[in-house]
Amino acid sequence: MPLDQQIFAKCKIVKAVANRGHQPSAFPEFDELQDIVNHGMSAGVSGFIYTLECADKFDEHDDEIQDYLSDWCHDNGVGQSSFAYFAPDAEDIAQLKNKLVWAYVELKAQEILMSMEEE
């Protein structure tokens, strides 16, 4: 299963968006998505707190994460690699993986909330 589906599998809000017609704010997970967008992953999100958890997720879905972040950098005219943009201060591979997973989740949360606003 793709990482974005795993990340938000516990968020019933995704099903509400897919089904249309449900009020997203009726789900407690809506607040979690808003918190991710407003405060970032560093505020602490269950399943993504420890570096090892994030490194494992990265290892399992590295192509999906790297492709998405590279495309995002290209589409937004960043002018540098996703590694340089999202993890400029990473001191080792574990920190790099952690920062890239966090960036991926934050962008996916923002994408979901933006798609809800368009409906």
PDB file of N, CA and C in Angstrom:
ATOM      1  N   MET A   1       0.855  -1.176   0.000  1.00  0.00           N
ATOM      2  CA  MET A   1       0.000   0.000   0.000  1.00  0.00           C
ATOM      3  C   MET A   1       0.900   1.239   0.000  1.00  0.00           C
ATOM      4  N   PRO A   2       0.607   2.229  -0.851  1.00  0.00           N
ATOM      5  CA  PRO A   2       1.415   3.450  -0.883  1.00  0.00           C
ATOM      6  C   PRO A   2       1.448   4.146   0.483  1.00  0.00           C
ATOM      7  N   LEU A   3       2.547   4.834   0.745  1.00  0.00           N
ATOM      8  CA  LEU A   3       2.728   5.472   2.047  1.00  0.00           C
ATOM      9  C   LEU A   3       1.653   6.499   2.342  1.00  0.00           C
ATOM     10  N   ASP A   4       1.250   7.282   1.348  1.00  0.00           N
ATOM     11  CA  ASP A   4       0.243   8.294   1.638  1.00  0.00           C
ATOM     12  C   ASP A   4      -1.052   7.649   2.110  1.00  0.00           C
ATOM     13  N   GLN A   5      -1.383   6.477   1.588  1.00  0.00           N
ATOM     14  CA  GLN A   5      -2.574   5.776   2.059  1.00  0.00           C
ATOM     15  C   GLN A   5      -2.374   5.235   3.462  1.00  0.00           C
ATOM     16  N   GLN A   6      -1.166   4.756   3.760  1.00  0.00           N
ATOM     17  CA  GLN A   6      -0.874   4.262   5.105  1.00  0.00           C
ATOM     18  C   GLN A   6      -0.906   5.389   6.130  1.00  0.00           C
ATOM     19  N   ILE A   7      -0.329   6.508   5.746  1.00  0.00           N
ATOM     20  CA  ILE A   7      -0.255   7.643   6.661  1.00  0.00           C
ATOM     21  C   ILE A   7      -1.641   8.066   7.101  1.00  0.00           C
ATOM     22  N   PHE A   8      -2.555   8.145   6.161  1.00  0.00           N
ATOM     23  CA  PHE A   8      -3.871   8.668   6.459  1.00  0.00           C
ATOM     24  C   PHE A   8      -4.955   7.591   6.549  1.00  0.00           C
ATOM     25  N   ALA A   9      -4.540   6.323   6.610  1.00  0.00           N
ATOM     26  CA  ALA A   9      -5.519   5.241   6.732  1.00  0.00           C
ATOM     27  C   ALA A   9      -6.344   5.395   8.002  1.00  0.00           C
ATOM     28  N   LYS A  10      -5.707   5.880   9.062  1.00  0.00           N
ATOM     29  CA  LYS A  10      -6.444   6.064  10.317  1.00  0.00           C
ATOM     30  C   LYS A  10      -7.287   7.333  10.300  1.00  0.00           C
ATOM     31  N   CYS A  11      -7.107   8.153   9.301  1.00  0.00           N
ATOM     32  CA  CYS A  11      -7.863   9.399   9.214  1.00  0.00           C
ATOM     33  C   CYS A  11      -9.130   9.176   8.403  1.00  0.00           C
ATOM     34  N   LYS A  12     -10.223   9.060   9.064  1.00  0.00           N
ATOM     35  CA  LYS A  12     -11.506   8.838   8.394  1.00  0.00           C
ATOM     36  C   LYS A  12     -11.844   9.995   7.466  1.00  0.00           C
ATOM     37  N   ILE A  13     -11.182  11.106   7.672  1.00  0.00           N
ATOM     38  CA  ILE A  13     -11.432  12.287   6.865  1.00  0.00           C
ATOM     39  C   ILE A  13     -11.186  12.001   5.389  1.00  0.00           C
ATOM     40  N   VAL A  14     -10.220  11.144   5.083  1.00  0.00           N
ATOM     41  CA  VAL A  14      -9.916  10.819   3.699  1.00  0.00           C
ATOM     42  C   VAL A  14     -11.121  10.152   3.045  1.00  0.00           C
ATOM     43  N   LYS A  15     -11.754   9.251   3.773  1.00  0.00           N
ATOM     44  CA  LYS A  15     -12.947   8.595   3.250  1.00  0.00           C
ATOM     45  C   LYS A  15     -14.061   9.618   3.050  1.00  0.00           C
ATOM     46  N   ALA A  16     -14.174  10.560   3.957  1.00  0.00           N
ATOM     47  CA  ALA A  16     -15.214  11.589   3.836  1.00  0.00           C
ATOM     48  C   ALA A  16     -14.981  12.432   2.590  1.00  0.00           C
ATOM     49  N   VAL A  17     -13.741  12.782   2.344  1.00  0.00           N
ATOM     50  CA  VAL A  17     -13.416  13.568   1.154  1.00  0.00           C
ATOM     51  C   VAL A  17     -13.722  12.756  -0.098  1.00  0.00           C
ATOM     52  N   ALA A  18     -13.357  11.479  -0.072  1.00  0.00           N
ATOM     53  CA  ALA A  18     -13.579  10.622  -1.234  1.00  0.00           C
ATOM     54  C   ALA A  18     -15.072  10.436  -1.507  1.00  0.00           C
ATOM     55  N   ASN A  19     -15.856  10.327  -0.460  1.00  0.00           N
ATOM     56  CA  ASN A  19     -17.290  10.103  -0.615  1.00  0.00           C
ATOM     57  C   ASN A  19     -18.064  11.387  -0.876  1.00  0.00           C
ATOM     58  N   ARG A  20     -17.492  12.512  -0.561  1.00  0.00           N
ATOM     59  CA  ARG A  20     -18.124  13.825  -0.722  1.00  0.00           C
ATOM     60  C   ARG A  20     -19.460  13.893   0.003  1.00  0.00           C
ATOM     61  N   GLY A  21     -19.769  15.027   0.467  1.00  0.00           N
ATOM     62  CA  GLY A  21     -21.050  15.208   1.134  1.00  0.00           C
ATOM     63  C   GLY A  21     -20.976  15.081   2.649  1.00  0.00           C
ATOM     64  N   HIS A  22     -19.888  14.594   3.181  1.00  0.00           N
ATOM     65  CA  HIS A  22     -19.727  14.532   4.632  1.00  0.00           C
ATOM     66  C   HIS A  22     -19.035  15.811   5.098  1.00  0.00           C
ATOM     67  N   GLN A  23     -19.320  16.227   6.272  1.00  0.00           N
ATOM     68  CA  GLN A  23     -18.639  17.390   6.840  1.00  0.00           C
ATOM     69  C   GLN A  23     -17.323  16.948   7.449  1.00  0.00           C
ATOM     70  N   PRO A  24     -16.190  17.363   6.900  1.00  0.00           N
ATOM     71  CA  PRO A  24     -14.902  16.915   7.407  1.00  0.00           C
ATOM     72  C   PRO A  24     -14.663  17.301   8.858  1.00  0.00           C
ATOM     73  N   SER A  25     -15.177  18.441   9.282  1.00  0.00           N
ATOM     74  CA  SER A  25     -14.930  18.882  10.654  1.00  0.00           C
ATOM     75  C   SER A  25     -15.617  17.988  11.678  1.00  0.00           C
ATOM     76  N   ALA A  26     -16.478  17.075  11.222  1.00  0.00           N
ATOM     77  CA  ALA A  26     -17.146  16.151  12.135  1.00  0.00           C
ATOM     78  C   ALA A  26     -16.202  15.042  12.603  1.00  0.00           C
ATOM     79  N   PHE A  27     -15.056  14.911  11.978  1.00  0.00           N
ATOM     80  CA  PHE A  27     -14.121  13.852  12.329  1.00  0.00           C
ATOM     81  C   PHE A  27     -12.983  14.402  13.189  1.00  0.00           C
ATOM     82  N   PRO A  28     -12.633  13.714  14.275  1.00  0.00           N
ATOM     83  CA  PRO A  28     -11.511  14.178  15.103  1.00  0.00           C
ATOM     84  C   PRO A  28     -10.199  14.213  14.332  1.00  0.00           C
ATOM     85  N   GLU A  29     -10.054  13.371  13.318  1.00  0.00           N
ATOM     86  CA  GLU A  29      -8.827  13.332  12.538  1.00  0.00           C
ATOM     87  C   GLU A  29      -8.608  14.616  11.746  1.00  0.00           C
ATOM     88  N   PHE A  30      -9.688  15.348  11.487  1.00  0.00           N
ATOM     89  CA  PHE A  30      -9.573  16.631  10.794  1.00  0.00           C
ATOM     90  C   PHE A  30      -8.645  17.561  11.582  1.00  0.00           C
ATOM     91  N   ASP A  31      -8.794  17.566  12.904  1.00  0.00           N
ATOM     92  CA  ASP A  31      -7.935  18.394  13.752  1.00  0.00           C
ATOM     93  C   ASP A  31      -6.476  17.967  13.638  1.00  0.00           C
ATOM     94  N   GLU A  32      -6.244  16.656  13.527  1.00  0.00           N
ATOM     95  CA  GLU A  32      -4.873  16.175  13.401  1.00  0.00           C
ATOM     96  C   GLU A  32      -4.243  16.665  12.105  1.00  0.00           C
ATOM     97  N   LEU A  33      -4.999  16.622  11.016  1.00  0.00           N
ATOM     98  CA  LEU A  33      -4.485  17.140   9.752  1.00  0.00           C
ATOM     99  C   LEU A  33      -4.194  18.634   9.848  1.00  0.00           C
ATOM    100  N   GLN A  34      -5.100  19.373  10.475  1.00  0.00           N
ATOM    101  CA  GLN A  34      -4.879  20.814  10.652  1.00  0.00           C
ATOM    102  C   GLN A  34      -3.650  21.074  11.513  1.00  0.00           C
ATOM    103  N   ASP A  35      -3.475  20.280  12.555  1.00  0.00           N
ATOM    104  CA  ASP A  35      -2.295  20.442  13.409  1.00  0.00           C
ATOM    105  C   ASP A  35      -1.007  20.183  12.633  1.00  0.00           C
ATOM    106  N   ILE A  36      -1.026  19.161  11.773  1.00  0.00           N
ATOM    107  CA  ILE A  36       0.161  18.874  10.968  1.00  0.00           C
ATOM    108  C   ILE A  36       0.477  20.059  10.065  1.00  0.00           C
ATOM    109  N   VAL A  37      -0.546  20.611   9.425  1.00  0.00           N
ATOM    110  CA  VAL A  37      -0.334  21.742   8.521  1.00  0.00           C
ATOM    111  C   VAL A  37       0.098  22.990   9.293  1.00  0.00           C
ATOM    112  N   ASN A  38      -0.557  23.252  10.419  1.00  0.00           N
ATOM    113  CA  ASN A  38      -0.285  24.484  11.173  1.00  0.00           C
ATOM    114  C   ASN A  38       0.989  24.439  12.002  1.00  0.00           C
ATOM    115  N   HIS A  39       1.329  23.273  12.546  1.00  0.00           N
ATOM    116  CA  HIS A  39       2.450  23.192  13.488  1.00  0.00           C
ATOM    117  C   HIS A  39       3.589  22.310  13.014  1.00  0.00           C
ATOM    118  N   GLY A  40       3.353  21.529  11.978  1.00  0.00           N
ATOM    119  CA  GLY A  40       4.395  20.655  11.452  1.00  0.00           C
ATOM    120  C   GLY A  40       4.523  19.362  12.228  1.00  0.00           C
ATOM    121  N   MET A  41       5.283  18.467  11.672  1.00  0.00           N
ATOM    122  CA  MET A  41       5.475  17.155  12.269  1.00  0.00           C
ATOM    123  C   MET A  41       6.304  17.208  13.537  1.00  0.00           C
ATOM    124  N   SER A  42       7.117  18.233  13.697  1.00  0.00           N
ATOM    125  CA  SER A  42       7.965  18.329  14.890  1.00  0.00           C
ATOM    126  C   SER A  42       7.147  18.519  16.162  1.00  0.00           C
ATOM    127  N   ALA A  43       5.867  18.857  16.017  1.00  0.00           N
ATOM    128  CA  ALA A  43       4.996  18.987  17.189  1.00  0.00           C
ATOM    129  C   ALA A  43       4.637  17.616  17.762  1.00  0.00           C
ATOM    130  N   GLY A  44       4.890  16.553  16.998  1.00  0.00           N
ATOM    131  CA  GLY A  44       4.655  15.196  17.465  1.00  0.00           C
ATOM    132  C   GLY A  44       3.393  14.594  16.898  1.00  0.00           C
ATOM    133  N   VAL A  45       3.541  13.640  16.025  1.00  0.00           N
ATOM    134  CA  VAL A  45       2.423  12.935  15.419  1.00  0.00           C
ATOM    135  C   VAL A  45       2.660  11.447  15.640  1.00  0.00           C
ATOM    136  N   SER A  46       1.690  10.791  16.215  1.00  0.00           N
ATOM    137  CA  SER A  46       1.821   9.376  16.536  1.00  0.00           C
ATOM    138  C   SER A  46       2.253   8.573  15.315  1.00  0.00           C
ATOM    139  N   GLY A  47       3.255   7.725  15.508  1.00  0.00           N
ATOM    140  CA  GLY A  47       3.779   6.902  14.428  1.00  0.00           C
ATOM    141  C   GLY A  47       4.903   7.554  13.645  1.00  0.00           C
ATOM    142  N   PHE A  48       5.165   8.830  13.943  1.00  0.00           N
ATOM    143  CA  PHE A  48       6.206   9.583  13.240  1.00  0.00           C
ATOM    144  C   PHE A  48       7.069  10.389  14.201  1.00  0.00           C
ATOM    145  N   ILE A  49       7.176   9.932  15.434  1.00  0.00           N
ATOM    146  CA  ILE A  49       7.917  10.682  16.447  1.00  0.00           C
ATOM    147  C   ILE A  49       9.393  10.295  16.453  1.00  0.00           C
ATOM    148  N   TYR A  50       9.654   9.015  16.446  1.00  0.00           N
ATOM    149  CA  TYR A  50      11.034   8.545  16.567  1.00  0.00           C
ATOM    150  C   TYR A  50      11.697   8.448  15.198  1.00  0.00           C
ATOM    151  N   THR A  51      12.976   8.795  15.159  1.00  0.00           N
ATOM    152  CA  THR A  51      13.732   8.766  13.913  1.00  0.00           C
ATOM    153  C   THR A  51      13.688   7.385  13.277  1.00  0.00           C
ATOM    154  N   LEU A  52      13.775   6.344  14.088  1.00  0.00           N
ATOM    155  CA  LEU A  52      13.753   4.986  13.555  1.00  0.00           C
ATOM    156  C   LEU A  52      12.431   4.676  12.849  1.00  0.00           C
ATOM    157  N   GLU A  53      11.313   5.140  13.415  1.00  0.00           N
ATOM    158  CA  GLU A  53      10.008   4.940  12.771  1.00  0.00           C
ATOM    159  C   GLU A  53       9.993   5.571  11.377  1.00  0.00           C
ATOM    160  N   CYS A  54      10.481   6.797  11.308  1.00  0.00           N
ATOM    161  CA  CYS A  54      10.480   7.521  10.033  1.00  0.00           C
ATOM    162  C   CYS A  54      11.466   6.900   9.046  1.00  0.00           C
ATOM    163  N   ALA A  55      12.624   6.487   9.542  1.00  0.00           N
ATOM    164  CA  ALA A  55      13.612   5.851   8.664  1.00  0.00           C
ATOM    165  C   ALA A  55      13.044   4.562   8.073  1.00  0.00           C
ATOM    166  N   ASP A  56      12.334   3.797   8.884  1.00  0.00           N
ATOM    167  CA  ASP A  56      11.706   2.569   8.384  1.00  0.00           C
ATOM    168  C   ASP A  56      10.658   2.878   7.314  1.00  0.00           C
ATOM    169  N   LYS A  57       9.857   3.914   7.543  1.00  0.00           N
ATOM    170  CA  LYS A  57       8.844   4.306   6.557  1.00  0.00           C
ATOM    171  C   LYS A  57       9.514   4.765   5.261  1.00  0.00           C
ATOM    172  N   PHE A  58      10.610   5.507   5.408  1.00  0.00           N
ATOM    173  CA  PHE A  58      11.340   5.960   4.230  1.00  0.00           C
ATOM    174  C   PHE A  58      11.886   4.766   3.458  1.00  0.00           C
ATOM    175  N   ASP A  59      12.508   3.831   4.159  1.00  0.00           N
ATOM    176  CA  ASP A  59      13.094   2.664   3.495  1.00  0.00           C
ATOM    177  C   ASP A  59      12.041   1.859   2.736  1.00  0.00           C
ATOM    178  N   GLU A  60      10.853   1.778   3.302  1.00  0.00           N
ATOM    179  CA  GLU A  60       9.781   1.011   2.681  1.00  0.00           C
ATOM    180  C   GLU A  60       9.185   1.729   1.466  1.00  0.00           C
ATOM    181  N   HIS A  61       9.239   3.070   1.462  1.00  0.00           N
ATOM    182  CA  HIS A  61       8.563   3.857   0.417  1.00  0.00           C
ATOM    183  C   HIS A  61       9.470   4.935  -0.174  1.00  0.00           C
ATOM    184  N   ASP A  62      10.751   4.628  -0.286  1.00  0.00           N
ATOM    185  CA  ASP A  62      11.695   5.660  -0.704  1.00  0.00           C
ATOM    186  C   ASP A  62      11.393   6.237  -2.087  1.00  0.00           C
ATOM    187  N   ASP A  63      11.030   5.403  -3.045  1.00  0.00           N
ATOM    188  CA  ASP A  63      10.743   5.929  -4.392  1.00  0.00           C
ATOM    189  C   ASP A  63       9.551   6.877  -4.375  1.00  0.00           C
ATOM    190  N   GLU A  64       8.488   6.488  -3.678  1.00  0.00           N
ATOM    191  CA  GLU A  64       7.284   7.310  -3.593  1.00  0.00           C
ATOM    192  C   GLU A  64       7.599   8.676  -2.961  1.00  0.00           C
ATOM    193  N   ILE A  65       8.341   8.658  -1.870  1.00  0.00           N
ATOM    194  CA  ILE A  65       8.676   9.897  -1.152  1.00  0.00           C
ATOM    195  C   ILE A  65       9.591  10.774  -1.997  1.00  0.00           C
ATOM    196  N   GLN A  66      10.653  10.189  -2.526  1.00  0.00           N
ATOM    197  CA  GLN A  66      11.604  10.986  -3.297  1.00  0.00           C
ATOM    198  C   GLN A  66      10.972  11.538  -4.576  1.00  0.00           C
ATOM    199  N   ASP A  67      10.166  10.733  -5.246  1.00  0.00           N
ATOM    200  CA  ASP A  67       9.504  11.226  -6.459  1.00  0.00           C
ATOM    201  C   ASP A  67       8.571  12.393  -6.137  1.00  0.00           C
ATOM    202  N   TYR A  68       7.784  12.239  -5.084  1.00  0.00           N
ATOM    203  CA  TYR A  68       6.831  13.284  -4.710  1.00  0.00           C
ATOM    204  C   TYR A  68       7.555  14.578  -4.342  1.00  0.00           C
ATOM    205  N   LEU A  69       8.585  14.467  -3.495  1.00  0.00           N
ATOM    206  CA  LEU A  69       9.301  15.671  -3.057  1.00  0.00           C
ATOM    207  C   LEU A  69      10.079  16.312  -4.204  1.00  0.00           C
ATOM    208  N   SER A  70      10.653  15.503  -5.078  1.00  0.00           N
ATOM    209  CA  SER A  70      11.362  16.054  -6.247  1.00  0.00           C
ATOM    210  C   SER A  70      10.397  16.782  -7.168  1.00  0.00           C
ATOM    211  N   ASP A  71       9.246  16.159  -7.406  1.00  0.00           N
ATOM    212  CA  ASP A  71       8.226  16.810  -8.235  1.00  0.00           C
ATOM    213  C   ASP A  71       7.756  18.114  -7.595  1.00  0.00           C
ATOM    214  N   TRP A  72       7.569  18.103  -6.282  1.00  0.00           N
ATOM    215  CA  TRP A  72       7.127  19.303  -5.569  1.00  0.00           C
ATOM    216  C   TRP A  72       8.160  20.423  -5.737  1.00  0.00           C
ATOM    217  N   CYS A  73       9.433  20.091  -5.565  1.00  0.00           N
ATOM    218  CA  CYS A  73      10.490  21.106  -5.723  1.00  0.00           C
ATOM    219  C   CYS A  73      10.503  21.650  -7.145  1.00  0.00           C
ATOM    220  N   HIS A  74      10.358  20.772  -8.116  1.00  0.00           N
ATOM    221  CA  HIS A  74      10.341  21.210  -9.515  1.00  0.00           C
ATOM    222  C   HIS A  74       9.130  22.089  -9.797  1.00  0.00           C
ATOM    223  N   ASP A  75       7.957  21.630  -9.368  1.00  0.00           N
ATOM    224  CA  ASP A  75       6.710  22.364  -9.631  1.00  0.00           C
ATOM    225  C   ASP A  75       6.669  23.725  -8.946  1.00  0.00           C
ATOM    226  N   ASN A  76       7.390  23.868  -7.841  1.00  0.00           N
ATOM    227  CA  ASN A  76       7.384  25.116  -7.087  1.00  0.00           C
ATOM    228  C   ASN A  76       8.623  25.961  -7.339  1.00  0.00           C
ATOM    229  N   GLY A  77       9.413  25.587  -8.318  1.00  0.00           N
ATOM    230  CA  GLY A  77      10.572  26.379  -8.721  1.00  0.00           C
ATOM    231  C   GLY A  77      11.613  26.561  -7.633  1.00  0.00           C
ATOM    232  N   VAL A  78      11.817  25.538  -6.841  1.00  0.00           N
ATOM    233  CA  VAL A  78      12.751  25.627  -5.722  1.00  0.00           C
ATOM    234  C   VAL A  78      14.187  25.828  -6.199  1.00  0.00           C
ATOM    235  N   GLY A  79      14.587  25.161  -7.256  1.00  0.00           N
ATOM    236  CA  GLY A  79      15.927  25.353  -7.800  1.00  0.00           C
ATOM    237  C   GLY A  79      17.014  24.577  -7.093  1.00  0.00           C
ATOM    238  N   GLN A  80      16.636  23.639  -6.257  1.00  0.00           N
ATOM    239  CA  GLN A  80      17.608  22.752  -5.622  1.00  0.00           C
ATOM    240  C   GLN A  80      16.958  21.398  -5.382  1.00  0.00           C
ATOM    241  N   SER A  81      17.768  20.437  -5.007  1.00  0.00           N
ATOM    242  CA  SER A  81      17.232  19.094  -4.801  1.00  0.00           C
ATOM    243  C   SER A  81      16.330  19.058  -3.572  1.00  0.00           C
ATOM    244  N   SER A  82      15.485  18.048  -3.536  1.00  0.00           N
ATOM    245  CA  SER A  82      14.604  17.908  -2.370  1.00  0.00           C
ATOM    246  C   SER A  82      15.427  17.664  -1.107  1.00  0.00           C
ATOM    247  N   PHE A  83      16.548  16.967  -1.228  1.00  0.00           N
ATOM    248  CA  PHE A  83      17.408  16.738  -0.054  1.00  0.00           C
ATOM    249  C   PHE A  83      17.909  18.073   0.482  1.00  0.00           C
ATOM    250  N   ALA A  84      18.413  18.914  -0.419  1.00  0.00           N
ATOM    251  CA  ALA A  84      18.971  20.204  -0.005  1.00  0.00           C
ATOM    252  C   ALA A  84      17.889  21.127   0.540  1.00  0.00           C
ATOM    253  N   TYR A  85      16.694  21.061  -0.033  1.00  0.00           N
ATOM    254  CA  TYR A  85      15.626  21.957   0.384  1.00  0.00           C
ATOM    255  C   TYR A  85      14.983  21.529   1.707  1.00  0.00           C
ATOM    256  N   PHE A  86      14.636  20.255   1.831  1.00  0.00           N
ATOM    257  CA  PHE A  86      13.892  19.794   3.004  1.00  0.00           C
ATOM    258  C   PHE A  86      14.776  19.357   4.160  1.00  0.00           C
ATOM    259  N   ALA A  87      16.049  19.068   3.905  1.00  0.00           N
ATOM    260  CA  ALA A  87      16.924  18.574   4.979  1.00  0.00           C
ATOM    261  C   ALA A  87      18.319  19.179   4.889  1.00  0.00           C
ATOM    262  N   PRO A  88      18.400  20.508   4.856  1.00  0.00           N
ATOM    263  CA  PRO A  88      19.717  21.132   4.674  1.00  0.00           C
ATOM    264  C   PRO A  88      20.675  20.906   5.835  1.00  0.00           C
ATOM    265  N   ASP A  89      20.136  20.638   7.005  1.00  0.00           N
ATOM    266  CA  ASP A  89      20.990  20.483   8.181  1.00  0.00           C
ATOM    267  C   ASP A  89      21.094  19.038   8.669  1.00  0.00           C
ATOM    268  N   ALA A  90      20.680  18.095   7.846  1.00  0.00           N
ATOM    269  CA  ALA A  90      20.766  16.680   8.237  1.00  0.00           C
ATOM    270  C   ALA A  90      22.232  16.284   8.377  1.00  0.00           C
ATOM    271  N   GLU A  91      22.542  15.685   9.512  1.00  0.00           N
ATOM    272  CA  GLU A  91      23.928  15.313   9.788  1.00  0.00           C
ATOM    273  C   GLU A  91      24.237  13.859   9.471  1.00  0.00           C
ATOM    274  N   ASP A  92      23.212  13.046   9.296  1.00  0.00           N
ATOM    275  CA  ASP A  92      23.427  11.647   8.930  1.00  0.00           C
ATOM    276  C   ASP A  92      22.222  11.143   8.158  1.00  0.00           C
ATOM    277  N   ILE A  93      22.313   9.925   7.668  1.00  0.00           N
ATOM    278  CA  ILE A  93      21.262   9.380   6.814  1.00  0.00           C
ATOM    279  C   ILE A  93      19.940   9.233   7.557  1.00  0.00           C
ATOM    280  N   ALA A  94      19.976   8.908   8.837  1.00  0.00           N
ATOM    281  CA  ALA A  94      18.740   8.762   9.620  1.00  0.00           C
ATOM    282  C   ALA A  94      18.011  10.095   9.728  1.00  0.00           C
ATOM    283  N   GLN A  95      18.747  11.180   9.970  1.00  0.00           N
ATOM    284  CA  GLN A  95      18.126  12.503  10.032  1.00  0.00           C
ATOM    285  C   GLN A  95      17.561  12.905   8.672  1.00  0.00           C
ATOM    286  N   LEU A  96      18.279  12.577   7.612  1.00  0.00           N
ATOM    287  CA  LEU A  96      17.808  12.880   6.260  1.00  0.00           C
ATOM    288  C   LEU A  96      16.480  12.179   5.994  1.00  0.00           C
ATOM    289  N   LYS A  97      16.427  10.894   6.283  1.00  0.00           N
ATOM    290  CA  LYS A  97      15.198  10.132   6.064  1.00  0.00           C
ATOM    291  C   LYS A  97      14.056  10.690   6.906  1.00  0.00           C
ATOM    292  N   ASN A  98      14.345  11.026   8.152  1.00  0.00           N
ATOM    293  CA  ASN A  98      13.332  11.569   9.054  1.00  0.00           C
ATOM    294  C   ASN A  98      12.758  12.870   8.496  1.00  0.00           C
ATOM    295  N   LYS A  99      13.615  13.772   8.085  1.00  0.00           N
ATOM    296  CA  LYS A  99      13.166  15.064   7.573  1.00  0.00           C
ATOM    297  C   LYS A  99      12.382  14.921   6.263  1.00  0.00           C
ATOM    298  N   LEU A 100      12.793  13.999   5.419  1.00  0.00           N
ATOM    299  CA  LEU A 100      12.076  13.799   4.162  1.00  0.00           C
ATOM    300  C   LEU A 100      10.698  13.191   4.397  1.00  0.00           C
ATOM    301  N   VAL A 101      10.590  12.264   5.333  1.00  0.00           N
ATOM    302  CA  VAL A 101       9.282  11.696   5.663  1.00  0.00           C
ATOM    303  C   VAL A 101       8.388  12.772   6.254  1.00  0.00           C
ATOM    304  N   TRP A 102       8.918  13.570   7.159  1.00  0.00           N
ATOM    305  CA  TRP A 102       8.125  14.648   7.753  1.00  0.00           C
ATOM    306  C   TRP A 102       7.647  15.618   6.678  1.00  0.00           C
ATOM    307  N   ALA A 103       8.529  15.995   5.769  1.00  0.00           N
ATOM    308  CA  ALA A 103       8.142  16.916   4.695  1.00  0.00           C
ATOM    309  C   ALA A 103       7.034  16.301   3.844  1.00  0.00           C
ATOM    310  N   TYR A 104       7.169  15.037   3.535  1.00  0.00           N
ATOM    311  CA  TYR A 104       6.165  14.336   2.737  1.00  0.00           C
ATOM    312  C   TYR A 104       4.809  14.350   3.434  1.00  0.00           C
ATOM    313  N   VAL A 105       4.780  14.010   4.711  1.00  0.00           N
ATOM    314  CA  VAL A 105       3.513  13.966   5.445  1.00  0.00           C
ATOM    315  C   VAL A 105       2.903  15.364   5.544  1.00  0.00           C
ATOM    316  N   GLU A 106       3.714  16.368   5.832  1.00  0.00           N
ATOM    317  CA  GLU A 106       3.205  17.736   5.934  1.00  0.00           C
ATOM    318  C   GLU A 106       2.587  18.192   4.614  1.00  0.00           C
ATOM    319  N   LEU A 107       3.250  17.909   3.498  1.00  0.00           N
ATOM    320  CA  LEU A 107       2.724  18.310   2.195  1.00  0.00           C
ATOM    321  C   LEU A 107       1.462  17.536   1.840  1.00  0.00           C
ATOM    322  N   LYS A 108       1.424  16.250   2.165  1.00  0.00           N
ATOM    323  CA  LYS A 108       0.225  15.450   1.902  1.00  0.00           C
ATOM    324  C   LYS A 108      -0.955  15.948   2.745  1.00  0.00           C
ATOM    325  N   ALA A 109      -0.714  16.289   3.995  1.00  0.00           N
ATOM    326  CA  ALA A 109      -1.785  16.820   4.844  1.00  0.00           C
ATOM    327  C   ALA A 109      -2.316  18.118   4.256  1.00  0.00           C
ATOM    328  N   GLN A 110      -1.416  18.979   3.821  1.00  0.00           N
ATOM    329  CA  GLN A 110      -1.824  20.243   3.205  1.00  0.00           C
ATOM    330  C   GLN A 110      -2.618  19.985   1.929  1.00  0.00           C
ATOM    331  N   GLU A 111      -2.190  19.018   1.143  1.00  0.00           N
ATOM    332  CA  GLU A 111      -2.886  18.672  -0.103  1.00  0.00           C
ATOM    333  C   GLU A 111      -4.312  18.212   0.178  1.00  0.00           C
ATOM    334  N   ILE A 112      -4.484  17.387   1.191  1.00  0.00           N
ATOM    335  CA  ILE A 112      -5.820  16.892   1.541  1.00  0.00           C
ATOM    336  C   ILE A 112      -6.713  18.037   2.000  1.00  0.00           C
ATOM    337  N   LEU A 113      -6.195  18.898   2.869  1.00  0.00           N
ATOM    338  CA  LEU A 113      -7.011  20.017   3.354  1.00  0.00           C
ATOM    339  C   LEU A 113      -7.369  20.978   2.227  1.00  0.00           C
ATOM    340  N   MET A 114      -6.434  21.208   1.327  1.00  0.00           N
ATOM    341  CA  MET A 114      -6.723  22.104   0.193  1.00  0.00           C
ATOM    342  C   MET A 114      -7.773  21.505  -0.726  1.00  0.00           C
ATOM    343  N   SER A 115      -7.733  20.192  -0.925  1.00  0.00           N
ATOM    344  CA  SER A 115      -8.735  19.560  -1.776  1.00  0.00           C
ATOM    345  C   SER A 115     -10.110  19.632  -1.133  1.00  0.00           C
ATOM    346  N   MET A 116     -10.169  19.629   0.187  1.00  0.00           N
ATOM    347  CA  MET A 116     -11.440  19.740   0.890  1.00  0.00           C
ATOM    348  C   MET A 116     -12.013  21.137   0.743  1.00  0.00           C
ATOM    349  N   GLU A 117     -11.158  22.146   0.750  1.00  0.00           N
ATOM    350  CA  GLU A 117     -11.612  23.525   0.616  1.00  0.00           C
ATOM    351  C   GLU A 117     -12.205  23.774  -0.775  1.00  0.00           C
ATOM    352  N   GLU A 118     -11.708  23.056  -1.758  1.00  0.00           N
ATOM    353  CA  GLU A 118     -12.178  23.232  -3.138  1.00  0.00           C
ATOM    354  C   GLU A 118     -13.558  22.638  -3.345  1.00  0.00           C
ATOM    355  N   GLU A 119     -13.962  21.728  -2.455  1.00  0.00           N
ATOM    356  CA  GLU A 119     -15.262  21.064  -2.616  1.00  0.00           C
ATOM    357  C   GLU A 119     -16.391  21.909  -2.084  1.00  0.00           C
TER     358      GLU A 119
END
